[in-house]
Amino acid sequence: MRRLQAAALLTAATCLAVASTAQAQSLSDRIRSVQTERTTTASAQPDPRVVTMTKLMQPVTLDVRDQPLEDIITFLSTVHGIDILTHWASDAVDGLDPEQPISLTVTNLRALSVIELILDLADTEYDENAWQFTDYGALEIGPKSELNKRKVTVIYPVADLLLEIPRHDDAPDLSLQSALQQGKGGGGGNIFSGTGGDADPDVKSEEELADDLIEMITNIVEYEQWIDNGGDGGTIQYFRGSLIVRAPDYMHRRIDGYPWWPSYHRIAAASYAPRYVSLGVGLEQATVLSIAQSRVSAVTGSGQVIQSGP
């Protein structure tokens, strides 16, 4: 009887261990599956700023006379589905005047260019207007003094821009006579006349080159907005081969553009040929409406001009 009880207990323990192992494996598999699904979903979702920029590439035709600024911004936001965060003036903060009359006529101009024109028309003698992106992809517009409150820190590697090759313009001269004498057993004298000078004293140090680079950036990019120039927009300093810039998005855009907006999304034109290519959005987001044949010209190696097509 005791042997039967022991065997039953052993069997039950084995079954429990097998069930626990299977449950653990099942739970681990589920966790890995959920992590993989989340990673796949996150990578499949486009950057919200890319989505907004794509909408800003849409053509706009507009003809307004003395229309309130707020009505025009609302029109662009509603018709083109653009999430626009506008800093309107209030008793507490400076901003855009919603009642400011705007007169503008454009035809098939990109929405972003239209917004830039409107912001220029809404400039005041005290502050300039600009646009930038929020971290969640909305287009933020308003006076630079308000945009400056949203600063982002970016590190720019610049070591390759600080490399300067020294010039040695007083290298020693080779003495052929000394070389011939040594070849005849004349001893081991020095075949070089002169000892050669030190490195070029005019070569700047890495820190000096970094200071020159910082000066160039702060003079070209939003001069009045840098704190060192009396503004409240951005700071810039050099540290171990990199520039550390803390500034609003619109200032970073002037420094390095938008890395998430590939170069093939930008305008490319060839003025020397009878063809013109303009790409406003990525090809993966474009729609082919029609395909038509066009005759093009080419020059052969012998200089003969040939044409394609019938």
Protein backbone atom coordinates (compact mmCIF):
# COMPACT_ATOMS: atom_id res chain seq x y z
CA MET A 1 0.00 0.00 0.00
CA ARG A 2 2.76 2.43 0.89
CA ARG A 3 4.50 1.61 -2.37
CA LEU A 4 1.31 2.47 -4.30
CA GLN A 5 0.93 5.77 -2.44
CA ALA A 6 4.56 6.71 -3.13
CA ALA A 7 4.18 5.87 -6.81
CA ALA A 8 1.02 7.97 -7.02
CA LEU A 9 2.72 10.94 -5.36
CA LEU A 10 5.70 10.65 -7.71
CA THR A 11 3.43 10.55 -10.73
CA ALA A 12 1.49 13.60 -9.53
CA ALA A 13 4.70 15.54 -8.87
CA THR A 14 6.01 14.67 -12.33
CA CYS A 15 2.78 15.82 -13.98
CA LEU A 16 2.86 19.07 -11.98
CA ALA A 17 6.47 19.72 -13.01
CA VAL A 18 5.68 19.07 -16.67
CA ALA A 19 2.63 21.36 -16.48
CA SER A 20 4.66 24.12 -14.79
CA THR A 21 7.37 23.86 -17.46
CA ALA A 22 4.82 23.98 -20.25
CA GLN A 23 3.10 26.98 -18.66
CA ALA A 24 6.44 28.78 -18.24
CA GLN A 25 7.36 28.11 -21.86
CA SER A 26 3.95 29.27 -22.97
CA LEU A 27 4.24 32.49 -20.92
CA SER A 28 7.76 33.19 -22.26
CA ASP A 29 6.58 32.65 -25.80
CA ARG A 30 3.67 35.02 -25.27
CA ILE A 31 5.94 37.71 -23.84
CA ARG A 32 8.32 37.42 -26.79
CA SER A 33 5.40 37.50 -29.19
CA VAL A 34 4.01 40.68 -27.64
CA GLN A 35 7.44 42.35 -27.71
CA THR A 36 7.94 41.41 -31.35
CA GLU A 37 4.49 42.70 -32.26
CA ARG A 38 5.10 46.02 -30.50
CA THR A 39 8.47 46.44 -32.18
CA THR A 40 7.00 45.67 -35.60
CA THR A 41 4.10 48.07 -35.05
CA ALA A 42 6.39 50.88 -33.87
CA SER A 43 8.73 50.47 -36.86
CA ALA A 44 5.80 50.40 -39.28
CA GLN A 45 4.40 53.70 -38.04
CA PRO A 46 5.92 56.70 -39.87
CA ASP A 47 7.42 59.62 -38.04
CA PRO A 48 4.52 62.04 -37.35
CA ARG A 49 6.69 64.92 -38.53
CA VAL A 50 7.12 63.19 -41.89
CA VAL A 51 3.34 62.83 -42.15
CA THR A 52 2.85 66.54 -41.44
CA MET A 53 5.62 67.58 -43.83
CA THR A 54 4.04 65.47 -46.56
CA LYS A 55 0.78 67.35 -46.10
CA LEU A 56 2.67 70.65 -46.20
CA MET A 57 3.95 69.72 -49.67
CA GLN A 58 0.42 69.81 -51.10
CA PRO A 59 -0.27 72.63 -53.61
CA VAL A 60 -2.46 75.51 -52.45
CA THR A 61 -4.33 78.11 -54.48
CA LEU A 62 -5.40 81.10 -52.39
CA ASP A 63 -6.85 84.53 -53.15
CA VAL A 64 -7.77 86.56 -50.07
CA ARG A 65 -8.22 90.27 -49.42
CA ASP A 66 -8.10 91.67 -45.88
CA GLN A 67 -9.09 88.34 -44.35
CA PRO A 68 -8.43 87.74 -40.63
CA LEU A 69 -5.28 85.77 -39.99
CA GLU A 70 -7.12 83.26 -37.82
CA ASP A 71 -9.57 82.42 -40.62
CA ILE A 72 -6.75 81.70 -43.08
CA ILE A 73 -4.88 79.47 -40.63
CA THR A 74 -8.11 77.60 -39.87
CA PHE A 75 -8.75 77.14 -43.59
CA LEU A 76 -5.30 75.66 -44.24
CA SER A 77 -5.53 73.40 -41.21
CA THR A 78 -9.01 72.11 -42.05
CA VAL A 79 -8.74 71.68 -45.81
CA HIS A 80 -5.30 70.06 -45.82
CA GLY A 81 -5.60 68.17 -42.53
CA ILE A 82 -2.58 69.86 -40.96
CA ASP A 83 -2.29 69.94 -37.19
CA ILE A 84 -1.24 73.56 -36.55
CA LEU A 85 -0.36 74.82 -33.08
CA THR A 86 -0.67 78.61 -33.23
CA HIS A 87 0.57 81.01 -30.56
CA TRP A 88 -2.14 83.67 -30.48
CA ALA A 89 -1.66 86.95 -28.66
CA SER A 90 -3.22 87.33 -25.24
CA ASP A 91 -2.89 89.54 -22.18
CA ALA A 92 -0.29 87.16 -20.75
CA VAL A 93 1.91 86.39 -23.76
CA ASP A 94 2.91 87.86 -27.08
CA GLY A 95 1.66 86.12 -30.18
CA LEU A 96 -0.03 86.43 -33.53
CA ASP A 97 -2.96 88.82 -33.82
CA PRO A 98 -5.94 86.68 -34.90
CA GLU A 99 -7.70 89.75 -36.36
CA GLN A 100 -4.74 90.96 -38.43
CA PRO A 101 -5.93 91.43 -42.05
CA ILE A 102 -4.00 89.41 -44.64
CA SER A 103 -4.07 89.89 -48.42
CA LEU A 104 -2.43 87.21 -50.51
CA THR A 105 -2.77 85.61 -53.95
CA VAL A 106 -0.95 82.37 -54.80
CA THR A 107 -1.51 79.59 -57.34
CA ASN A 108 -0.37 76.01 -56.86
CA LEU A 109 2.14 76.95 -54.19
CA ARG A 110 3.10 74.48 -51.52
CA ALA A 111 1.20 74.84 -48.27
CA LEU A 112 4.43 75.33 -46.33
CA SER A 113 5.50 78.18 -48.60
CA VAL A 114 2.07 79.78 -48.20
CA ILE A 115 2.37 79.59 -44.41
CA GLU A 116 5.82 81.17 -44.59
CA LEU A 117 4.45 84.04 -46.67
CA ILE A 118 1.61 84.54 -44.20
CA LEU A 119 4.03 84.57 -41.26
CA ASP A 120 6.17 87.17 -43.03
CA LEU A 121 3.11 89.36 -43.55
CA ALA A 122 2.26 89.00 -39.87
CA ASP A 123 5.70 90.11 -38.66
CA THR A 124 5.82 93.06 -36.29
CA GLU A 125 8.53 95.60 -35.65
CA TYR A 126 9.22 93.93 -32.31
CA ASP A 127 9.42 90.26 -33.28
CA GLU A 128 9.70 87.95 -36.27
CA ASN A 129 7.58 84.87 -36.85
CA ALA A 130 8.73 81.36 -37.66
CA TRP A 131 7.57 77.75 -37.78
CA GLN A 132 8.87 74.53 -36.31
CA PHE A 133 7.75 71.02 -35.44
CA THR A 134 6.70 69.72 -32.05
CA ASP A 135 7.89 66.31 -30.88
CA TYR A 136 4.45 64.86 -31.70
CA GLY A 137 4.49 66.15 -35.27
CA ALA A 138 2.34 69.29 -35.11
CA LEU A 139 3.34 72.43 -36.99
CA GLU A 140 3.99 75.18 -34.44
CA ILE A 141 3.83 78.78 -35.63
CA GLY A 142 4.21 82.11 -33.88
CA PRO A 143 6.75 84.73 -32.80
CA LYS A 144 10.29 83.48 -32.32
CA SER A 145 10.16 84.69 -28.72
CA GLU A 146 7.46 82.08 -28.04
CA LEU A 147 9.08 79.31 -30.07
CA ASN A 148 12.31 79.89 -28.13
CA LYS A 149 10.60 78.50 -25.02
CA ARG A 150 10.70 74.99 -26.55
CA LYS A 151 14.40 74.15 -26.61
CA VAL A 152 15.96 70.86 -27.66
CA THR A 153 19.55 69.74 -27.04
CA VAL A 154 21.33 68.21 -30.05
CA ILE A 155 24.94 67.00 -30.29
CA TYR A 156 26.61 67.60 -33.68
CA PRO A 157 29.87 65.66 -34.39
CA VAL A 158 32.27 68.11 -36.05
CA ALA A 159 35.69 66.50 -35.60
CA ASP A 160 36.07 66.12 -39.38
CA LEU A 161 35.60 69.88 -39.79
CA LEU A 162 38.41 70.68 -37.35
CA LEU A 163 41.17 68.74 -39.09
CA GLU A 164 43.89 70.94 -40.58
CA ILE A 165 46.95 69.41 -42.22
CA PRO A 166 50.17 71.22 -41.20
CA ARG A 167 52.47 72.59 -43.88
CA HIS A 168 56.22 71.89 -43.69
CA ASP A 169 57.77 74.38 -46.10
CA ASP A 170 61.34 74.05 -44.77
CA ALA A 171 62.02 70.34 -45.16
CA PRO A 172 65.73 69.28 -45.27
CA ASP A 173 67.53 69.02 -48.65
CA LEU A 174 68.99 65.76 -49.95
CA SER A 175 72.75 65.96 -50.61
CA LEU A 176 73.68 63.69 -53.54
CA GLN A 177 77.41 64.24 -52.92
CA SER A 178 77.16 62.90 -49.39
CA ALA A 179 75.17 59.94 -50.63
CA LEU A 180 77.87 59.10 -53.24
CA GLN A 181 80.65 59.39 -50.69
CA GLN A 182 78.86 56.98 -48.38
CA GLY A 183 78.46 54.58 -51.26
CA LYS A 184 82.28 54.58 -51.78
CA GLY A 185 82.95 53.80 -48.16
CA GLY A 186 83.29 57.33 -47.08
CA GLY A 187 81.62 56.82 -43.73
CA GLY A 188 78.17 57.28 -42.34
CA GLY A 189 77.65 60.99 -42.69
CA ASN A 190 74.29 62.72 -42.92
CA ILE A 191 73.00 62.90 -46.50
CA PHE A 192 70.52 65.65 -45.56
CA SER A 193 71.50 69.29 -45.24
CA GLY A 194 69.46 71.20 -42.72
CA THR A 195 67.40 69.72 -39.91
CA GLY A 196 63.92 70.68 -41.01
CA GLY A 197 61.75 73.05 -39.10
CA ASP A 198 58.90 72.54 -36.73
CA ALA A 199 55.27 72.35 -37.80
CA ASP A 200 53.71 75.40 -39.38
CA PRO A 201 53.21 77.88 -36.53
CA ASP A 202 50.19 79.35 -38.34
CA VAL A 203 48.21 76.10 -38.00
CA LYS A 204 45.37 76.65 -35.53
CA SER A 205 44.65 74.35 -32.64
CA GLU A 206 41.49 72.27 -32.45
CA GLU A 207 39.97 74.66 -29.92
CA GLU A 208 40.71 77.67 -32.13
CA LEU A 209 39.11 75.99 -35.13
CA ALA A 210 36.07 75.12 -32.99
CA ASP A 211 35.76 78.76 -31.93
CA ASP A 212 35.88 79.82 -35.59
CA LEU A 213 33.15 77.31 -36.44
CA ILE A 214 30.94 78.49 -33.59
CA GLU A 215 31.44 82.11 -34.64
CA MET A 216 30.47 81.28 -38.22
CA ILE A 217 27.31 79.44 -37.13
CA THR A 218 26.17 82.15 -34.72
CA ASN A 219 26.77 84.83 -37.35
CA ILE A 220 24.88 83.04 -40.13
CA VAL A 221 22.12 81.15 -38.32
CA GLU A 222 19.58 83.37 -36.54
CA TYR A 223 22.18 85.88 -35.32
CA GLU A 224 19.87 87.77 -32.97
CA GLN A 225 18.50 84.63 -31.28
CA TRP A 226 21.72 83.31 -29.73
CA ILE A 227 22.16 84.10 -26.05
CA ASP A 228 25.77 85.20 -26.66
CA ASN A 229 24.40 87.76 -29.14
CA GLY A 230 21.78 89.11 -26.74
CA GLY A 231 18.87 86.83 -27.63
CA ASP A 232 17.09 84.10 -25.70
CA GLY A 233 17.00 81.35 -28.35
CA GLY A 234 20.03 79.09 -28.19
CA THR A 235 23.41 78.25 -26.71
CA ILE A 236 26.33 76.51 -28.39
CA GLN A 237 29.55 75.08 -26.99
CA TYR A 238 32.33 72.73 -28.05
CA PHE A 239 33.25 69.54 -26.21
CA ARG A 240 35.52 66.73 -27.41
CA GLY A 241 34.88 66.87 -31.12
CA SER A 242 31.20 67.82 -30.94
CA LEU A 243 29.06 70.93 -30.78
CA ILE A 244 26.39 70.85 -28.09
CA VAL A 245 23.52 73.07 -29.18
CA ARG A 246 20.47 73.81 -27.06
CA ALA A 247 17.97 75.72 -29.16
CA PRO A 248 14.42 75.57 -30.55
CA ASP A 249 13.63 73.38 -33.53
CA TYR A 250 13.63 76.19 -36.09
CA MET A 251 17.25 77.03 -35.22
CA HIS A 252 18.37 73.39 -35.44
CA ARG A 253 16.70 73.25 -38.87
CA ARG A 254 18.91 76.10 -40.07
CA ILE A 255 22.01 74.25 -38.86
CA ASP A 256 21.50 70.72 -40.18
CA GLY A 257 18.07 70.50 -41.81
CA TYR A 258 15.82 67.58 -40.90
CA PRO A 259 17.61 64.19 -40.91
CA TRP A 260 14.23 62.43 -41.05
CA TRP A 261 13.37 64.22 -44.34
CA PRO A 262 15.61 62.44 -46.88
CA SER A 263 17.46 64.38 -49.54
CA TYR A 264 15.44 62.77 -52.37
CA HIS A 265 12.35 64.53 -50.96
CA ARG A 266 13.86 67.88 -51.83
CA ILE A 267 13.79 69.78 -55.10
CA ALA A 268 16.22 68.61 -57.75
CA ALA A 269 16.54 70.59 -60.96
CA ALA A 270 18.81 70.56 -64.00
CA SER A 271 18.82 73.93 -65.73
CA TYR A 272 21.26 72.85 -68.43
CA ALA A 273 18.88 70.29 -69.97
CA PRO A 274 15.36 70.59 -71.39
CA ARG A 275 14.01 68.56 -68.46
CA TYR A 276 13.01 69.56 -64.96
CA VAL A 277 12.40 67.27 -62.02
CA SER A 278 10.68 68.39 -58.80
CA LEU A 279 10.11 65.92 -55.99
CA GLY A 280 8.07 67.23 -53.09
CA VAL A 281 7.25 63.98 -51.31
CA GLY A 282 8.71 60.50 -51.15
CA LEU A 283 7.91 58.17 -54.00
CA GLU A 284 6.53 55.64 -51.55
CA GLN A 285 3.81 58.15 -50.64
CA ALA A 286 3.04 59.32 -54.17
CA THR A 287 0.34 58.13 -56.56
CA VAL A 288 0.90 57.63 -60.31
CA LEU A 289 -1.97 59.32 -62.11
CA SER A 290 -0.84 58.67 -65.68
CA ILE A 291 2.13 57.70 -67.82
CA ALA A 292 2.96 59.49 -71.05
CA GLN A 293 5.77 59.18 -73.59
CA SER A 294 7.97 62.19 -74.27
CA ARG A 295 10.75 62.65 -76.78
CA VAL A 296 14.17 63.35 -75.30
CA SER A 297 17.45 64.31 -76.90
CA ALA A 298 20.89 62.82 -76.32
CA VAL A 299 24.43 63.30 -77.64
CA THR A 300 26.45 60.27 -78.80
CA GLY A 301 30.18 59.84 -78.34
CA SER A 302 30.78 61.18 -81.87
CA GLY A 303 28.84 64.34 -81.09
CA GLN A 304 25.72 63.40 -83.02
CA VAL A 305 22.38 64.53 -81.53
CA ILE A 306 19.76 61.80 -81.54
CA GLN A 307 16.15 61.73 -80.35
CA SER A 308 14.06 58.98 -78.85
CA GLY A 309 10.52 58.00 -79.75
CA PRO A 310 8.81 57.70 -83.13
